[in-house]
Amino acid sequence: MEKQLPLPVANADSAVYWKSANEEKLVIRRCNSCGEKHFMPRYLCPVCWSDDLVWIEASGKGTVHSFTVVRRASSPAFAGRTPYVVALIDLAEGPRMMTNIVGNGALEVRVGDGVRLDFEERDGAKLPQFSLEKVRS
């Protein structure tokens, strides 16, 4: 029997992020004081410490900054998914986020590859993931 994959746990800082993900939108924070855009959802700007933040919708486009292929699952829940790709994505808007590369050709990913937003449905929750813009043949 396959173990259930973990679901996202929203807190006060990330509730809007997860609600938007369930609507298939990727949102990030922008600071109204210094203009910096950032990811992970948090209460204060990591650059100037202002709490004057707004949510903006990201384009869903990005570039692979770095990645690893996980071949040995860290828990039994992920065993059926191995091998899978965990990547750092430089979003077109500037911030960097950690996510998975999914879909056709995911294991052929290279640093610098263009990616586009995709969503994985997991027991009623949707998780932002990315797939390669161009699959190698």
N, C-alpha and C. Protein backbone atom coordinates (compact mmCIF):
# COMPACT_ATOMS: atom_id res chain seq x y z
N MET A 1 0.84 -1.18 0.00
CA MET A 1 0.00 0.00 0.00
C MET A 1 0.89 1.25 0.00
N GLU A 2 0.61 2.17 -0.92
CA GLU A 2 1.40 3.39 -1.04
C GLU A 2 1.01 4.38 0.04
N LYS A 3 2.01 4.97 0.68
CA LYS A 3 1.76 5.97 1.72
C LYS A 3 1.29 7.26 1.08
N GLN A 4 0.45 8.00 1.81
CA GLN A 4 -0.06 9.28 1.33
C GLN A 4 1.03 10.34 1.39
N LEU A 5 1.14 11.12 0.32
CA LEU A 5 2.11 12.21 0.28
C LEU A 5 1.67 13.32 1.23
N PRO A 6 2.61 14.04 1.81
CA PRO A 6 2.24 15.12 2.72
C PRO A 6 1.53 16.25 1.99
N LEU A 7 0.64 16.91 2.71
CA LEU A 7 -0.09 18.06 2.18
C LEU A 7 0.53 19.34 2.72
N PRO A 8 0.35 20.45 1.99
CA PRO A 8 0.87 21.72 2.50
C PRO A 8 0.18 22.11 3.80
N VAL A 9 0.94 22.77 4.65
CA VAL A 9 0.41 23.28 5.91
C VAL A 9 0.50 24.80 5.85
N ALA A 10 -0.65 25.44 5.78
CA ALA A 10 -0.69 26.90 5.70
C ALA A 10 -0.58 27.50 7.09
N ASN A 11 0.09 28.65 7.16
CA ASN A 11 0.12 29.44 8.39
C ASN A 11 -0.32 30.86 8.03
N ALA A 12 -0.25 31.77 8.96
CA ALA A 12 -0.72 33.14 8.71
C ALA A 12 0.04 33.80 7.56
N ASP A 13 1.33 33.49 7.42
CA ASP A 13 2.14 34.10 6.36
C ASP A 13 1.86 33.48 4.99
N SER A 14 1.48 32.21 4.95
CA SER A 14 1.37 31.51 3.67
C SER A 14 -0.06 31.19 3.23
N ALA A 15 -1.07 31.55 4.01
CA ALA A 15 -2.46 31.19 3.69
C ALA A 15 -2.87 31.71 2.31
N VAL A 16 -2.53 32.94 1.98
CA VAL A 16 -2.88 33.51 0.66
C VAL A 16 -2.15 32.76 -0.45
N TYR A 17 -0.90 32.40 -0.21
CA TYR A 17 -0.11 31.64 -1.19
C TYR A 17 -0.81 30.32 -1.53
N TRP A 18 -1.20 29.55 -0.50
CA TRP A 18 -1.82 28.25 -0.75
C TRP A 18 -3.23 28.39 -1.32
N LYS A 19 -3.97 29.41 -0.90
CA LYS A 19 -5.30 29.65 -1.49
C LYS A 19 -5.15 29.97 -2.98
N SER A 20 -4.18 30.79 -3.33
CA SER A 20 -3.93 31.13 -4.74
C SER A 20 -3.49 29.89 -5.52
N ALA A 21 -2.65 29.06 -4.92
CA ALA A 21 -2.21 27.83 -5.60
C ALA A 21 -3.41 26.95 -5.91
N ASN A 22 -4.37 26.88 -5.01
CA ASN A 22 -5.58 26.08 -5.27
C ASN A 22 -6.40 26.65 -6.41
N GLU A 23 -6.18 27.93 -6.74
CA GLU A 23 -6.83 28.57 -7.89
C GLU A 23 -5.90 28.56 -9.10
N GLU A 24 -4.81 27.79 -9.01
CA GLU A 24 -3.79 27.66 -10.06
C GLU A 24 -3.13 28.98 -10.41
N LYS A 25 -2.79 29.72 -9.37
CA LYS A 25 -2.04 30.97 -9.50
C LYS A 25 -0.83 30.89 -8.59
N LEU A 26 0.30 31.37 -9.09
CA LEU A 26 1.50 31.46 -8.27
C LEU A 26 1.65 32.92 -7.85
N VAL A 27 1.66 33.16 -6.55
CA VAL A 27 1.81 34.53 -6.05
C VAL A 27 3.09 34.64 -5.24
N ILE A 28 3.68 35.83 -5.28
CA ILE A 28 4.87 36.16 -4.51
C ILE A 28 4.60 37.49 -3.81
N ARG A 29 5.48 37.89 -2.91
CA ARG A 29 5.32 39.16 -2.20
C ARG A 29 6.18 40.24 -2.84
N ARG A 30 5.64 41.46 -2.85
CA ARG A 30 6.40 42.64 -3.26
C ARG A 30 6.32 43.64 -2.13
N CYS A 31 7.47 44.24 -1.82
CA CYS A 31 7.54 45.24 -0.76
C CYS A 31 7.22 46.61 -1.35
N ASN A 32 6.25 47.30 -0.76
CA ASN A 32 5.92 48.65 -1.22
C ASN A 32 6.95 49.68 -0.78
N SER A 33 7.78 49.35 0.21
CA SER A 33 8.79 50.30 0.68
C SER A 33 10.03 50.32 -0.19
N CYS A 34 10.56 49.13 -0.53
CA CYS A 34 11.80 49.09 -1.31
C CYS A 34 11.61 48.50 -2.72
N GLY A 35 10.44 47.95 -3.00
CA GLY A 35 10.16 47.41 -4.32
C GLY A 35 10.65 45.99 -4.55
N GLU A 36 11.35 45.41 -3.59
CA GLU A 36 11.89 44.05 -3.73
C GLU A 36 10.77 43.02 -3.79
N LYS A 37 10.93 42.05 -4.68
CA LYS A 37 10.00 40.92 -4.76
C LYS A 37 10.69 39.73 -4.12
N HIS A 38 9.93 38.95 -3.36
CA HIS A 38 10.55 37.82 -2.68
C HIS A 38 9.63 36.62 -2.54
N PHE A 39 10.26 35.50 -2.34
CA PHE A 39 9.62 34.23 -2.05
C PHE A 39 10.49 33.58 -1.00
N MET A 40 10.02 33.11 -0.07
CA MET A 40 8.96 32.45 0.63
C MET A 40 8.01 33.50 1.21
N PRO A 41 6.75 33.12 1.35
CA PRO A 41 5.82 34.03 2.01
C PRO A 41 6.27 34.31 3.45
N ARG A 42 6.34 35.58 3.77
CA ARG A 42 6.73 35.98 5.13
C ARG A 42 6.12 37.32 5.46
N TYR A 43 6.15 37.66 6.72
CA TYR A 43 5.49 38.86 7.22
C TYR A 43 6.28 40.13 6.95
N LEU A 44 7.60 40.03 6.91
CA LEU A 44 8.46 41.20 6.73
C LEU A 44 9.31 41.05 5.48
N CYS A 45 9.61 42.17 4.85
CA CYS A 45 10.51 42.16 3.70
C CYS A 45 11.90 41.72 4.17
N PRO A 46 12.52 40.75 3.49
CA PRO A 46 13.85 40.30 3.92
C PRO A 46 14.97 41.28 3.57
N VAL A 47 14.64 42.35 2.84
CA VAL A 47 15.65 43.35 2.45
C VAL A 47 15.62 44.55 3.39
N CYS A 48 14.42 45.14 3.57
CA CYS A 48 14.35 46.37 4.37
C CYS A 48 13.54 46.22 5.66
N TRP A 49 12.99 45.05 5.90
CA TRP A 49 12.23 44.71 7.10
C TRP A 49 10.88 45.43 7.21
N SER A 50 10.40 46.02 6.13
CA SER A 50 9.09 46.66 6.14
C SER A 50 7.99 45.60 6.19
N ASP A 51 6.86 45.97 6.77
CA ASP A 51 5.70 45.07 6.74
C ASP A 51 4.67 45.54 5.71
N ASP A 52 5.05 46.49 4.86
CA ASP A 52 4.17 47.02 3.82
C ASP A 52 4.34 46.16 2.56
N LEU A 53 3.74 44.97 2.59
CA LEU A 53 3.88 44.00 1.51
C LEU A 53 2.55 43.76 0.82
N VAL A 54 2.62 43.44 -0.47
CA VAL A 54 1.43 43.07 -1.23
C VAL A 54 1.73 41.77 -1.97
N TRP A 55 0.67 41.05 -2.28
CA TRP A 55 0.77 39.83 -3.08
C TRP A 55 0.64 40.21 -4.55
N ILE A 56 1.51 39.66 -5.39
CA ILE A 56 1.38 39.86 -6.84
C ILE A 56 1.43 38.49 -7.52
N GLU A 57 0.76 38.38 -8.63
CA GLU A 57 0.77 37.13 -9.37
C GLU A 57 2.02 37.05 -10.23
N ALA A 58 2.72 35.94 -10.13
CA ALA A 58 3.92 35.70 -10.94
C ALA A 58 3.50 35.17 -12.30
N SER A 59 4.37 35.34 -13.28
CA SER A 59 4.07 34.91 -14.66
C SER A 59 4.06 33.40 -14.82
N GLY A 60 4.75 32.69 -13.92
CA GLY A 60 4.83 31.24 -14.06
C GLY A 60 5.97 30.80 -14.97
N LYS A 61 6.84 31.72 -15.31
CA LYS A 61 8.00 31.39 -16.13
C LYS A 61 9.26 31.55 -15.30
N GLY A 62 10.26 30.72 -15.63
CA GLY A 62 11.50 30.80 -14.89
C GLY A 62 12.60 30.03 -15.57
N THR A 63 13.74 29.98 -14.88
CA THR A 63 14.94 29.32 -15.38
C THR A 63 15.51 28.45 -14.26
N VAL A 64 16.00 27.29 -14.62
CA VAL A 64 16.61 26.39 -13.64
C VAL A 64 17.95 26.96 -13.20
N HIS A 65 18.07 27.23 -11.91
CA HIS A 65 19.32 27.72 -11.32
C HIS A 65 20.21 26.54 -10.90
N SER A 66 19.60 25.54 -10.29
CA SER A 66 20.30 24.35 -9.85
C SER A 66 19.26 23.25 -9.64
N PHE A 67 19.72 22.00 -9.56
CA PHE A 67 18.79 20.90 -9.34
C PHE A 67 19.53 19.69 -8.82
N THR A 68 18.76 18.74 -8.32
CA THR A 68 19.27 17.42 -7.96
C THR A 68 18.22 16.39 -8.32
N VAL A 69 18.66 15.21 -8.64
CA VAL A 69 17.76 14.10 -8.90
C VAL A 69 17.76 13.22 -7.65
N VAL A 70 16.60 13.08 -7.05
CA VAL A 70 16.45 12.26 -5.85
C VAL A 70 16.17 10.83 -6.30
N ARG A 71 17.06 9.94 -5.95
CA ARG A 71 16.92 8.54 -6.36
C ARG A 71 16.58 7.63 -5.18
N ARG A 72 16.75 8.14 -3.98
CA ARG A 72 16.42 7.38 -2.78
C ARG A 72 15.50 8.25 -1.94
N ALA A 73 14.27 7.81 -1.78
CA ALA A 73 13.26 8.61 -1.09
C ALA A 73 13.63 8.85 0.37
N SER A 74 13.34 10.04 0.84
CA SER A 74 13.61 10.40 2.24
C SER A 74 12.58 9.82 3.19
N SER A 75 11.44 9.42 2.64
CA SER A 75 10.39 8.78 3.46
C SER A 75 9.62 7.82 2.56
N PRO A 76 8.95 6.84 3.15
CA PRO A 76 8.21 5.86 2.35
C PRO A 76 7.16 6.50 1.43
N ALA A 77 6.61 7.65 1.81
CA ALA A 77 5.58 8.30 0.99
C ALA A 77 6.10 8.68 -0.39
N PHE A 78 7.40 8.96 -0.51
CA PHE A 78 7.97 9.39 -1.78
C PHE A 78 8.63 8.26 -2.57
N ALA A 79 8.66 7.07 -2.02
CA ALA A 79 9.36 5.94 -2.66
C ALA A 79 8.83 5.66 -4.06
N GLY A 80 7.54 5.73 -4.26
CA GLY A 80 6.94 5.46 -5.57
C GLY A 80 7.21 6.54 -6.61
N ARG A 81 7.77 7.63 -6.20
CA ARG A 81 8.03 8.74 -7.12
C ARG A 81 9.47 8.80 -7.60
N THR A 82 10.35 8.05 -6.98
CA THR A 82 11.75 8.13 -7.36
C THR A 82 11.97 7.51 -8.73
N PRO A 83 12.88 8.02 -9.52
CA PRO A 83 13.62 9.26 -9.27
C PRO A 83 12.76 10.49 -9.58
N TYR A 84 13.02 11.58 -8.87
CA TYR A 84 12.34 12.84 -9.13
C TYR A 84 13.32 13.99 -8.98
N VAL A 85 12.94 15.15 -9.55
CA VAL A 85 13.83 16.30 -9.60
C VAL A 85 13.37 17.38 -8.62
N VAL A 86 14.30 17.82 -7.77
CA VAL A 86 14.10 18.98 -6.91
C VAL A 86 14.99 20.08 -7.48
N ALA A 87 14.42 21.26 -7.70
CA ALA A 87 15.17 22.32 -8.38
C ALA A 87 14.98 23.67 -7.71
N LEU A 88 15.99 24.51 -7.90
CA LEU A 88 15.88 25.93 -7.57
C LEU A 88 15.57 26.65 -8.88
N ILE A 89 14.47 27.39 -8.89
CA ILE A 89 14.01 28.09 -10.08
C ILE A 89 14.14 29.59 -9.85
N ASP A 90 14.80 30.27 -10.78
CA ASP A 90 14.83 31.73 -10.78
C ASP A 90 13.59 32.19 -11.54
N LEU A 91 12.63 32.72 -10.80
CA LEU A 91 11.39 33.21 -11.43
C LEU A 91 11.70 34.42 -12.31
N ALA A 92 10.91 34.61 -13.34
CA ALA A 92 11.09 35.76 -14.24
C ALA A 92 11.02 37.07 -13.46
N GLU A 93 10.30 37.09 -12.37
CA GLU A 93 10.14 38.30 -11.56
C GLU A 93 11.33 38.56 -10.64
N GLY A 94 12.25 37.59 -10.52
CA GLY A 94 13.44 37.79 -9.72
C GLY A 94 13.67 36.81 -8.59
N PRO A 95 12.66 36.50 -7.77
CA PRO A 95 12.91 35.59 -6.65
C PRO A 95 13.27 34.17 -7.11
N ARG A 96 13.89 33.47 -6.22
CA ARG A 96 14.25 32.07 -6.46
C ARG A 96 13.38 31.21 -5.55
N MET A 97 12.86 30.10 -6.08
CA MET A 97 12.07 29.19 -5.26
C MET A 97 12.48 27.75 -5.49
N MET A 98 12.28 26.93 -4.47
CA MET A 98 12.54 25.50 -4.57
C MET A 98 11.24 24.80 -4.93
N THR A 99 11.32 23.86 -5.85
CA THR A 99 10.14 23.17 -6.33
C THR A 99 10.59 21.87 -7.00
N ASN A 100 9.65 21.21 -7.64
CA ASN A 100 9.96 20.02 -8.42
C ASN A 100 9.83 20.33 -9.90
N ILE A 101 10.62 19.63 -10.71
CA ILE A 101 10.43 19.62 -12.15
C ILE A 101 9.67 18.33 -12.44
N VAL A 102 8.54 18.45 -13.12
CA VAL A 102 7.68 17.30 -13.39
C VAL A 102 7.41 17.19 -14.88
N GLY A 103 6.82 16.10 -15.29
CA GLY A 103 6.38 15.93 -16.67
C GLY A 103 7.43 15.29 -17.55
N ASN A 104 7.12 15.26 -18.84
CA ASN A 104 7.99 14.65 -19.83
C ASN A 104 9.37 15.30 -19.81
N GLY A 105 10.40 14.46 -19.78
CA GLY A 105 11.76 14.95 -19.86
C GLY A 105 12.32 15.53 -18.58
N ALA A 106 11.58 15.46 -17.47
CA ALA A 106 12.03 16.09 -16.23
C ALA A 106 13.43 15.63 -15.83
N LEU A 107 13.74 14.36 -16.04
CA LEU A 107 15.05 13.84 -15.63
C LEU A 107 16.17 14.29 -16.55
N GLU A 108 15.83 14.95 -17.65
CA GLU A 108 16.82 15.48 -18.60
C GLU A 108 17.13 16.96 -18.35
N VAL A 109 16.63 17.49 -17.26
CA VAL A 109 16.79 18.91 -16.94
C VAL A 109 18.26 19.30 -16.88
N ARG A 110 18.54 20.55 -17.27
CA ARG A 110 19.88 21.12 -17.21
C ARG A 110 19.79 22.52 -16.63
N VAL A 111 20.87 22.95 -15.98
CA VAL A 111 20.93 24.33 -15.49
C VAL A 111 20.74 25.27 -16.67
N GLY A 112 19.91 26.28 -16.50
CA GLY A 112 19.63 27.25 -17.55
C GLY A 112 18.39 26.94 -18.36
N ASP A 113 17.82 25.74 -18.21
CA ASP A 113 16.60 25.40 -18.95
C ASP A 113 15.45 26.31 -18.55
N GLY A 114 14.64 26.67 -19.51
CA GLY A 114 13.41 27.41 -19.24
C GLY A 114 12.34 26.48 -18.72
N VAL A 115 11.55 26.97 -17.77
CA VAL A 115 10.46 26.18 -17.20
C VAL A 115 9.20 27.01 -17.14
N ARG A 116 8.09 26.29 -17.06
CA ARG A 116 6.79 26.95 -16.94
C ARG A 116 5.99 26.30 -15.81
N LEU A 117 5.13 27.08 -15.22
CA LEU A 117 4.34 26.66 -14.07
C LEU A 117 3.39 25.54 -14.43
N ASP A 118 3.28 24.62 -13.52
CA ASP A 118 2.34 23.50 -13.62
C ASP A 118 1.83 23.28 -12.20
N PHE A 119 0.75 22.56 -12.04
CA PHE A 119 0.23 22.29 -10.70
C PHE A 119 -0.03 20.81 -10.53
N GLU A 120 0.31 20.31 -9.36
CA GLU A 120 0.04 18.93 -9.00
C GLU A 120 -1.11 18.93 -8.02
N GLU A 121 -2.15 18.16 -8.32
CA GLU A 121 -3.25 18.04 -7.38
C GLU A 121 -2.93 16.90 -6.42
N ARG A 122 -3.07 17.20 -5.15
CA ARG A 122 -2.76 16.23 -4.11
C ARG A 122 -3.85 16.27 -3.05
N ASP A 123 -4.80 15.34 -3.14
CA ASP A 123 -5.88 15.23 -2.16
C ASP A 123 -6.59 16.56 -1.90
N GLY A 124 -6.98 17.24 -2.98
CA GLY A 124 -7.72 18.49 -2.87
C GLY A 124 -6.88 19.74 -2.79
N ALA A 125 -5.58 19.60 -2.60
CA ALA A 125 -4.67 20.76 -2.59
C ALA A 125 -3.89 20.78 -3.89
N LYS A 126 -3.53 21.96 -4.35
CA LYS A 126 -2.71 22.08 -5.56
C LYS A 126 -1.36 22.66 -5.18
N LEU A 127 -0.31 22.02 -5.69
CA LEU A 127 1.06 22.43 -5.38
C LEU A 127 1.72 22.96 -6.64
N PRO A 128 2.29 24.17 -6.57
CA PRO A 128 3.01 24.70 -7.74
C PRO A 128 4.25 23.83 -8.02
N GLN A 129 4.36 23.41 -9.25
CA GLN A 129 5.50 22.65 -9.75
C GLN A 129 5.88 23.29 -11.08
N PHE A 130 6.95 22.83 -11.69
CA PHE A 130 7.34 23.37 -12.97
C PHE A 130 7.65 22.23 -13.93
N SER A 131 7.43 22.47 -15.21
CA SER A 131 7.81 21.51 -16.25
C SER A 131 8.70 22.25 -17.26
N LEU A 132 9.49 21.47 -17.97
CA LEU A 132 10.41 22.04 -18.94
C LEU A 132 9.64 22.66 -20.09
N GLU A 133 10.10 23.83 -20.54
CA GLU A 133 9.48 24.47 -21.71
C GLU A 133 9.75 23.67 -22.97
N LYS A 134 10.98 23.17 -23.10
CA LYS A 134 11.35 22.37 -24.27
C LYS A 134 11.88 21.04 -23.78
N VAL A 135 11.28 19.97 -24.27
CA VAL A 135 11.72 18.63 -23.90
C VAL A 135 12.74 18.18 -24.93
N ARG A 136 13.87 17.68 -24.43
CA ARG A 136 14.92 17.17 -25.35
C ARG A 136 14.44 15.88 -25.98
N SER A 137 14.85 15.68 -27.24
CA SER A 137 14.47 14.43 -27.91
C SER A 137 15.61 13.48 -28.00
